[in-house]
PDB file of all heavy atoms in Angstrom:
ATOM      1  N   GLN A   1       0.819  -1.248   0.029  1.00  0.00           N
ATOM      2  CA  GLN A   1      -0.020   0.070  -0.070  1.00  0.00           C
ATOM      3  C   GLN A   1       0.810   1.254   0.066  1.00  0.00           C
ATOM      4  O   GLN A   1       1.934   1.174   0.500  1.00  0.00           O
ATOM      5  CB  GLN A   1      -0.843  -0.039   1.158  1.00  0.00           C
ATOM      6  CG  GLN A   1      -1.840  -1.180   1.277  1.00  0.00           C
ATOM      7  CD  GLN A   1      -2.979  -0.921   0.316  1.00  0.00           C
ATOM      8  OE1 GLN A   1      -3.366   0.107  -0.274  1.00  0.00           O
ATOM      9  NE2 GLN A   1      -3.923  -1.826   0.243  1.00  0.00           N
ATOM     10  N   ARG A   2       0.363   2.256  -0.739  1.00  0.00           N
ATOM     11  CA  ARG A   2       1.080   3.595  -0.519  1.00  0.00           C
ATOM     12  C   ARG A   2       0.773   4.100   0.794  1.00  0.00           C
ATOM     13  O   ARG A   2      -0.301   4.150   1.277  1.00  0.00           O
ATOM     14  CB  ARG A   2       0.513   4.503  -1.682  1.00  0.00           C
ATOM     15  CG  ARG A   2       1.298   5.799  -1.734  1.00  0.00           C
ATOM     16  CD  ARG A   2       0.784   6.678  -2.916  1.00  0.00           C
ATOM     17  NE  ARG A   2       1.101   5.898  -4.195  1.00  0.00           N
ATOM     18  CZ  ARG A   2       0.914   6.414  -5.516  1.00  0.00           C
ATOM     19  NH1 ARG A   2       0.351   7.657  -5.468  1.00  0.00           N
ATOM     20  NH2 ARG A   2       1.245   5.636  -6.415  1.00  0.00           N
ATOM     21  N   GLU A   3       1.876   4.626   1.416  1.00  0.00           N
ATOM     22  CA  GLU A   3       1.766   5.104   2.751  1.00  0.00           C
ATOM     23  C   GLU A   3       2.304   6.521   2.822  1.00  0.00           C
ATOM     24  O   GLU A   3       3.236   6.987   2.148  1.00  0.00           O
ATOM     25  CB  GLU A   3       2.592   4.234   3.731  1.00  0.00           C
ATOM     26  CG  GLU A   3       4.096   4.109   3.511  1.00  0.00           C
ATOM     27  CD  GLU A   3       4.754   3.412   4.513  1.00  0.00           C
ATOM     28  OE1 GLU A   3       4.308   3.117   5.619  1.00  0.00           O
ATOM     29  OE2 GLU A   3       5.981   3.052   4.194  1.00  0.00           O
ATOM     30  N   LEU A   4       1.723   7.365   3.681  1.00  0.00           N
ATOM     31  CA  LEU A   4       1.999   8.714   4.019  1.00  0.00           C
ATOM     32  C   LEU A   4       3.296   8.721   4.758  1.00  0.00           C
ATOM     33  O   LEU A   4       3.374   8.082   5.826  1.00  0.00           O
ATOM     34  CB  LEU A   4       0.869   9.401   4.806  1.00  0.00           C
ATOM     35  CG  LEU A   4       1.194  10.921   5.172  1.00  0.00           C
ATOM     36  CD1 LEU A   4       1.314  11.726   3.901  1.00  0.00           C
ATOM     37  CD2 LEU A   4       0.046  11.411   5.890  1.00  0.00           C
ATOM     38  N   VAL A   5       4.350   9.419   4.412  1.00  0.00           N
ATOM     39  CA  VAL A   5       5.554   9.544   4.934  1.00  0.00           C
ATOM     40  C   VAL A   5       5.626  10.751   5.764  1.00  0.00           C
ATOM     41  O   VAL A   5       5.940  10.861   6.964  1.00  0.00           O
ATOM     42  CB  VAL A   5       6.630   9.522   3.914  1.00  0.00           C
ATOM     43  CG1 VAL A   5       7.953   9.784   4.639  1.00  0.00           C
ATOM     44  CG2 VAL A   5       6.707   8.190   3.239  1.00  0.00           C
ATOM     45  N   ALA A   6       5.284  11.890   5.182  1.00  0.00           N
ATOM     46  CA  ALA A   6       5.348  13.274   5.819  1.00  0.00           C
ATOM     47  C   ALA A   6       4.375  14.183   5.062  1.00  0.00           C
ATOM     48  O   ALA A   6       4.112  14.102   4.081  1.00  0.00           O
ATOM     49  CB  ALA A   6       6.748  13.873   5.746  1.00  0.00           C
ATOM     50  N   GLN A   7       4.004  15.312   5.881  1.00  0.00           N
ATOM     51  CA  GLN A   7       3.078  16.274   5.403  1.00  0.00           C
ATOM     52  C   GLN A   7       3.504  17.632   6.061  1.00  0.00           C
ATOM     53  O   GLN A   7       3.801  17.756   7.157  1.00  0.00           O
ATOM     54  CB  GLN A   7       1.698  15.878   5.721  1.00  0.00           C
ATOM     55  CG  GLN A   7       0.571  16.871   5.237  1.00  0.00           C
ATOM     56  CD  GLN A   7      -0.684  16.414   5.525  1.00  0.00           C
ATOM     57  OE1 GLN A   7      -1.107  16.720   6.874  1.00  0.00           O
ATOM     58  NE2 GLN A   7      -1.475  15.718   4.784  1.00  0.00           N
ATOM     59  N   ILE A   8       3.253  18.736   5.340  1.00  0.00           N
ATOM     60  CA  ILE A   8       3.560  20.041   5.650  1.00  0.00           C
ATOM     61  C   ILE A   8       2.252  20.900   5.236  1.00  0.00           C
ATOM     62  O   ILE A   8       1.859  20.759   4.129  1.00  0.00           O
ATOM     63  CB  ILE A   8       4.800  20.716   5.154  1.00  0.00           C
ATOM     64  CG1 ILE A   8       5.075  22.040   5.928  1.00  0.00           C
ATOM     65  CG2 ILE A   8       4.925  20.695   3.712  1.00  0.00           C
ATOM     66  CD1 ILE A   8       6.502  22.405   5.700  1.00  0.00           C
ATOM     67  N   THR A   9       1.676  21.729   6.101  1.00  0.00           N
ATOM     68  CA  THR A   9       0.569  22.491   5.855  1.00  0.00           C
ATOM     69  C   THR A   9       1.077  23.895   5.263  1.00  0.00           C
ATOM     70  O   THR A   9       2.258  24.225   5.354  1.00  0.00           O
ATOM     71  CB  THR A   9      -0.282  22.671   7.053  1.00  0.00           C
ATOM     72  OG1 THR A   9       0.306  23.543   7.940  1.00  0.00           O
ATOM     73  CG2 THR A   9      -0.591  21.336   7.626  1.00  0.00           C
ATOM     74  N   PRO A  10       0.135  24.653   4.839  1.00  0.00           N
ATOM     75  CA  PRO A  10       0.519  25.930   4.422  1.00  0.00           C
ATOM     76  C   PRO A  10       1.184  26.875   5.528  1.00  0.00           C
ATOM     77  O   PRO A  10       1.997  27.720   5.256  1.00  0.00           O
ATOM     78  CB  PRO A  10      -0.865  26.656   3.846  1.00  0.00           C
ATOM     79  CG  PRO A  10      -1.654  25.510   3.453  1.00  0.00           C
ATOM     80  CD  PRO A  10      -1.224  24.466   4.462  1.00  0.00           C
ATOM     81  N   HIS A  11       0.744  26.534   6.793  1.00  0.00           N
ATOM     82  CA  HIS A  11       1.419  27.351   7.854  1.00  0.00           C
ATOM     83  C   HIS A  11       2.605  26.538   8.420  1.00  0.00           C
ATOM     84  O   HIS A  11       3.155  27.089   9.381  1.00  0.00           O
ATOM     85  CB  HIS A  11       0.316  27.546   9.003  1.00  0.00           C
ATOM     86  CG  HIS A  11      -0.840  28.396   8.639  1.00  0.00           C
ATOM     87  ND1 HIS A  11      -1.983  28.494   9.130  1.00  0.00           N
ATOM     88  CD2 HIS A  11      -0.806  29.391   7.734  1.00  0.00           C
ATOM     89  CE1 HIS A  11      -2.724  29.364   8.701  1.00  0.00           C
ATOM     90  NE2 HIS A  11      -2.144  30.060   7.771  1.00  0.00           N
ATOM     91  N   GLY A  12       3.055  25.669   7.823  1.00  0.00           N
ATOM     92  CA  GLY A  12       4.287  24.922   8.145  1.00  0.00           C
ATOM     93  C   GLY A  12       4.188  23.860   9.190  1.00  0.00           C
ATOM     94  O   GLY A  12       5.247  23.412   9.707  1.00  0.00           O
ATOM     95  N   THR A  13       3.016  23.451   9.550  1.00  0.00           N
ATOM     96  CA  THR A  13       2.851  22.362  10.566  1.00  0.00           C
ATOM     97  C   THR A  13       3.221  21.048   9.852  1.00  0.00           C
ATOM     98  O   THR A  13       2.718  20.752   8.673  1.00  0.00           O
ATOM     99  CB  THR A  13       1.306  22.385  11.030  1.00  0.00           C
ATOM    100  OG1 THR A  13       0.978  23.614  11.600  1.00  0.00           O
ATOM    101  CG2 THR A  13       1.154  21.230  12.036  1.00  0.00           C
ATOM    102  N   THR A  14       4.073  20.223  10.432  1.00  0.00           N
ATOM    103  CA  THR A  14       4.497  19.057   9.805  1.00  0.00           C
ATOM    104  C   THR A  14       4.132  17.873  10.616  1.00  0.00           C
ATOM    105  O   THR A  14       3.964  17.843  11.860  1.00  0.00           O
ATOM    106  CB  THR A  14       6.195  19.016   9.827  1.00  0.00           C
ATOM    107  OG1 THR A  14       6.662  19.292  11.184  1.00  0.00           O
ATOM    108  CG2 THR A  14       6.552  20.267   8.852  1.00  0.00           C
ATOM    109  N   THR A  15       3.894  16.789  10.100  1.00  0.00           N
ATOM    110  CA  THR A  15       3.554  15.459  10.563  1.00  0.00           C
ATOM    111  C   THR A  15       4.407  14.425   9.873  1.00  0.00           C
ATOM    112  O   THR A  15       4.692  14.512   8.630  1.00  0.00           O
ATOM    113  CB  THR A  15       2.109  15.234  10.474  1.00  0.00           C
ATOM    114  OG1 THR A  15       1.755  15.079   9.046  1.00  0.00           O
ATOM    115  CG2 THR A  15       1.296  16.057  11.245  1.00  0.00           C
ATOM    116  N   TYR A  16       4.645  13.328  10.526  1.00  0.00           N
ATOM    117  CA  TYR A  16       5.504  12.332  10.104  1.00  0.00           C
ATOM    118  C   TYR A  16       5.013  11.023  10.499  1.00  0.00           C
ATOM    119  O   TYR A  16       4.471  10.725  11.564  1.00  0.00           O
ATOM    120  CB  TYR A  16       7.042  12.408  10.615  1.00  0.00           C
ATOM    121  CG  TYR A  16       7.739  13.735  10.144  1.00  0.00           C
ATOM    122  CD1 TYR A  16       7.670  14.755  11.083  1.00  0.00           C
ATOM    123  CD2 TYR A  16       8.350  13.720   9.042  1.00  0.00           C
ATOM    124  CE1 TYR A  16       8.306  16.022  10.637  1.00  0.00           C
ATOM    125  CE2 TYR A  16       8.976  15.003   8.637  1.00  0.00           C
ATOM    126  CZ  TYR A  16       8.925  16.133   9.406  1.00  0.00           C
ATOM    127  OH  TYR A  16       9.546  17.288   9.101  1.00  0.00           O
ATOM    128  N   ALA A  17       5.220   9.889   9.560  1.00  0.00           N
ATOM    129  CA  ALA A  17       5.032   8.612  10.002  1.00  0.00           C
ATOM    130  C   ALA A  17       6.018   8.225  11.083  1.00  0.00           C
ATOM    131  O   ALA A  17       7.103   8.704  11.152  1.00  0.00           O
ATOM    132  CB  ALA A  17       5.000   7.757   8.824  1.00  0.00           C
ATOM    133  N   ASP A  18       5.470   7.398  11.978  1.00  0.00           N
ATOM    134  CA  ASP A  18       6.340   6.992  13.173  1.00  0.00           C
ATOM    135  C   ASP A  18       7.508   6.347  12.680  1.00  0.00           C
ATOM    136  O   ASP A  18       8.571   6.386  13.307  1.00  0.00           O
ATOM    137  CB  ASP A  18       5.607   6.016  13.976  1.00  0.00           C
ATOM    138  CG  ASP A  18       4.460   6.607  14.931  1.00  0.00           C
ATOM    139  OD1 ASP A  18       4.469   7.937  15.007  1.00  0.00           O
ATOM    140  OD2 ASP A  18       3.636   5.962  15.272  1.00  0.00           O
ATOM    141  N   SER A  19       7.484   5.661  11.515  1.00  0.00           N
ATOM    142  CA  SER A  19       8.615   4.960  10.979  1.00  0.00           C
ATOM    143  C   SER A  19       9.859   5.859  10.543  1.00  0.00           C
ATOM    144  O   SER A  19      11.012   5.436  10.496  1.00  0.00           O
ATOM    145  CB  SER A  19       8.293   3.959   9.836  1.00  0.00           C
ATOM    146  OG  SER A  19       7.676   4.742   8.769  1.00  0.00           O
ATOM    147  N   VAL A  20       9.549   7.128  10.244  1.00  0.00           N
ATOM    148  CA  VAL A  20      10.501   7.991   9.787  1.00  0.00           C
ATOM    149  C   VAL A  20      10.736   9.231  10.609  1.00  0.00           C
ATOM    150  O   VAL A  20      11.711   9.968  10.465  1.00  0.00           O
ATOM    151  CB  VAL A  20      10.187   8.574   8.280  1.00  0.00           C
ATOM    152  CG1 VAL A  20       9.875   7.518   7.384  1.00  0.00           C
ATOM    153  CG2 VAL A  20       9.001   9.513   8.367  1.00  0.00           C
ATOM    154  N   LYS A  21       9.974   9.278  11.758  1.00  0.00           N
ATOM    155  CA  LYS A  21      10.109  10.451  12.723  1.00  0.00           C
ATOM    156  C   LYS A  21      11.558  10.463  13.289  1.00  0.00           C
ATOM    157  O   LYS A  21      12.115   9.457  13.761  1.00  0.00           O
ATOM    158  CB  LYS A  21       9.048  10.240  13.795  1.00  0.00           C
ATOM    159  CG  LYS A  21       8.880  11.462  14.690  1.00  0.00           C
ATOM    160  CD  LYS A  21       7.878  11.428  15.624  1.00  0.00           C
ATOM    161  CE  LYS A  21       7.601  12.589  16.595  1.00  0.00           C
ATOM    162  NZ  LYS A  21       7.257  13.821  15.714  1.00  0.00           N
ATOM    163  N   GLY A  22      12.097  11.706  13.246  1.00  0.00           N
ATOM    164  CA  GLY A  22      13.442  11.921  13.777  1.00  0.00           C
ATOM    165  C   GLY A  22      14.471  11.740  12.751  1.00  0.00           C
ATOM    166  O   GLY A  22      15.665  12.060  12.988  1.00  0.00           O
ATOM    167  N   ARG A  23      14.068  11.094  11.613  1.00  0.00           N
ATOM    168  CA  ARG A  23      15.073  10.793  10.491  1.00  0.00           C
ATOM    169  C   ARG A  23      14.804  11.702   9.255  1.00  0.00           C
ATOM    170  O   ARG A  23      15.700  12.039   8.579  1.00  0.00           O
ATOM    171  CB  ARG A  23      15.082   9.350  10.142  1.00  0.00           C
ATOM    172  CG  ARG A  23      15.396   8.391  11.203  1.00  0.00           C
ATOM    173  CD  ARG A  23      15.786   6.942  10.776  1.00  0.00           C
ATOM    174  NE  ARG A  23      14.440   6.375  10.178  1.00  0.00           N
ATOM    175  CZ  ARG A  23      14.225   5.978   9.064  1.00  0.00           C
ATOM    176  NH1 ARG A  23      15.334   6.056   8.103  1.00  0.00           N
ATOM    177  NH2 ARG A  23      13.114   5.495   8.505  1.00  0.00           N
ATOM    178  N   PHE A  24      13.625  11.932   8.857  1.00  0.00           N
ATOM    179  CA  PHE A  24      13.106  12.568   7.782  1.00  0.00           C
ATOM    180  C   PHE A  24      12.588  13.974   8.150  1.00  0.00           C
ATOM    181  O   PHE A  24      12.080  14.154   9.168  1.00  0.00           O
ATOM    182  CB  PHE A  24      12.006  11.893   6.978  1.00  0.00           C
ATOM    183  CG  PHE A  24      12.410  10.571   6.311  1.00  0.00           C
ATOM    184  CD1 PHE A  24      13.661  10.023   6.667  1.00  0.00           C
ATOM    185  CD2 PHE A  24      11.548   9.982   5.422  1.00  0.00           C
ATOM    186  CE1 PHE A  24      14.047   8.852   5.977  1.00  0.00           C
ATOM    187  CE2 PHE A  24      11.810   8.823   4.909  1.00  0.00           C
ATOM    188  CZ  PHE A  24      13.099   8.186   5.098  1.00  0.00           C
ATOM    189  N   THR A  25      12.861  14.922   7.229  1.00  0.00           N
ATOM    190  CA  THR A  25      12.283  16.349   7.400  1.00  0.00           C
ATOM    191  C   THR A  25      11.767  16.789   6.219  1.00  0.00           C
ATOM    192  O   THR A  25      12.339  16.889   5.127  1.00  0.00           O
ATOM    193  CB  THR A  25      13.516  17.228   7.907  1.00  0.00           C
ATOM    194  OG1 THR A  25      14.168  16.858   9.067  1.00  0.00           O
ATOM    195  CG2 THR A  25      12.913  18.670   8.204  1.00  0.00           C
ATOM    196  N   ILE A  26      10.423  17.245   6.356  1.00  0.00           N
ATOM    197  CA  ILE A  26       9.843  17.868   5.177  1.00  0.00           C
ATOM    198  C   ILE A  26       9.777  19.335   5.266  1.00  0.00           C
ATOM    199  O   ILE A  26       9.767  19.855   6.402  1.00  0.00           O
ATOM    200  CB  ILE A  26       8.322  17.314   5.022  1.00  0.00           C
ATOM    201  CG1 ILE A  26       7.636  17.872   3.735  1.00  0.00           C
ATOM    202  CG2 ILE A  26       7.577  17.746   6.352  1.00  0.00           C
ATOM    203  CD1 ILE A  26       6.345  17.160   3.564  1.00  0.00           C
ATOM    204  N   SER A  27       9.934  20.079   4.158  1.00  0.00           N
ATOM    205  CA  SER A  27      10.140  21.422   4.195  1.00  0.00           C
ATOM    206  C   SER A  27       9.644  22.011   2.817  1.00  0.00           C
ATOM    207  O   SER A  27       9.394  21.248   1.888  1.00  0.00           O
ATOM    208  CB  SER A  27      11.475  21.957   4.524  1.00  0.00           C
ATOM    209  OG  SER A  27      12.397  21.423   3.533  1.00  0.00           O
ATOM    210  N   LYS A  28       9.361  23.308   2.762  1.00  0.00           N
ATOM    211  CA  LYS A  28       9.076  24.065   1.542  1.00  0.00           C
ATOM    212  C   LYS A  28       9.809  25.395   1.499  1.00  0.00           C
ATOM    213  O   LYS A  28      10.070  25.972   2.485  1.00  0.00           O
ATOM    214  CB  LYS A  28       7.450  24.303   1.462  1.00  0.00           C
ATOM    215  CG  LYS A  28       6.562  23.225   1.382  1.00  0.00           C
ATOM    216  CD  LYS A  28       5.139  23.654   1.192  1.00  0.00           C
ATOM    217  CE  LYS A  28       4.578  24.497   2.146  1.00  0.00           C
ATOM    218  NZ  LYS A  28       3.282  24.922   1.984  1.00  0.00           N
ATOM    219  N   ASN A  29      10.144  25.551   0.230  1.00  0.00           N
ATOM    220  CA  ASN A  29      10.760  26.996  -0.041  1.00  0.00           C
ATOM    221  C   ASN A  29       9.820  27.499  -1.007  1.00  0.00           C
ATOM    222  O   ASN A  29       9.673  27.334  -2.203  1.00  0.00           O
ATOM    223  CB  ASN A  29      12.184  26.703  -0.645  1.00  0.00           C
ATOM    224  CG  ASN A  29      12.817  28.039  -0.931  1.00  0.00           C
ATOM    225  OD1 ASN A  29      12.244  29.026  -1.394  1.00  0.00           O
ATOM    226  ND2 ASN A  29      14.208  28.109  -0.531  1.00  0.00           N
ATOM    227  N   ASN A  30       9.130  28.496  -0.493  1.00  0.00           N
ATOM    228  CA  ASN A  30       8.065  29.217  -1.193  1.00  0.00           C
ATOM    229  C   ASN A  30       8.499  30.013  -2.391  1.00  0.00           C
ATOM    230  O   ASN A  30       8.069  29.968  -3.519  1.00  0.00           O
ATOM    231  CB  ASN A  30       7.184  30.087  -0.319  1.00  0.00           C
ATOM    232  CG  ASN A  30       6.241  29.351   0.644  1.00  0.00           C
ATOM    233  OD1 ASN A  30       5.908  28.202   0.290  1.00  0.00           O
ATOM    234  ND2 ASN A  30       5.956  29.813   1.680  1.00  0.00           N
ATOM    235  N   ALA A  31       9.631  30.625  -2.187  1.00  0.00           N
ATOM    236  CA  ALA A  31      10.302  31.472  -3.194  1.00  0.00           C
ATOM    237  C   ALA A  31      10.731  30.551  -4.465  1.00  0.00           C
ATOM    238  O   ALA A  31      10.596  30.922  -5.571  1.00  0.00           O
ATOM    239  CB  ALA A  31      11.592  32.222  -2.762  1.00  0.00           C
ATOM    240  N   LYS A  32      11.167  29.404  -4.171  1.00  0.00           N
ATOM    241  CA  LYS A  32      11.487  28.500  -5.202  1.00  0.00           C
ATOM    242  C   LYS A  32      10.487  27.568  -5.685  1.00  0.00           C
ATOM    243  O   LYS A  32      10.675  26.789  -6.572  1.00  0.00           O
ATOM    244  CB  LYS A  32      12.764  27.565  -4.731  1.00  0.00           C
ATOM    245  CG  LYS A  32      13.995  28.410  -4.435  1.00  0.00           C
ATOM    246  CD  LYS A  32      15.250  27.399  -4.031  1.00  0.00           C
ATOM    247  CE  LYS A  32      16.400  28.215  -3.905  1.00  0.00           C
ATOM    248  NZ  LYS A  32      17.632  27.264  -3.495  1.00  0.00           N
TER     249      LYS A  32
END
């Protein structure tokens, strides 16, 4: 199954799957 790894909202709130928490970081660069 396709699984959610990480998510970031327009306000920068991030969530992570337990399996990647502490190892993965999601981010956005709005200018780019």
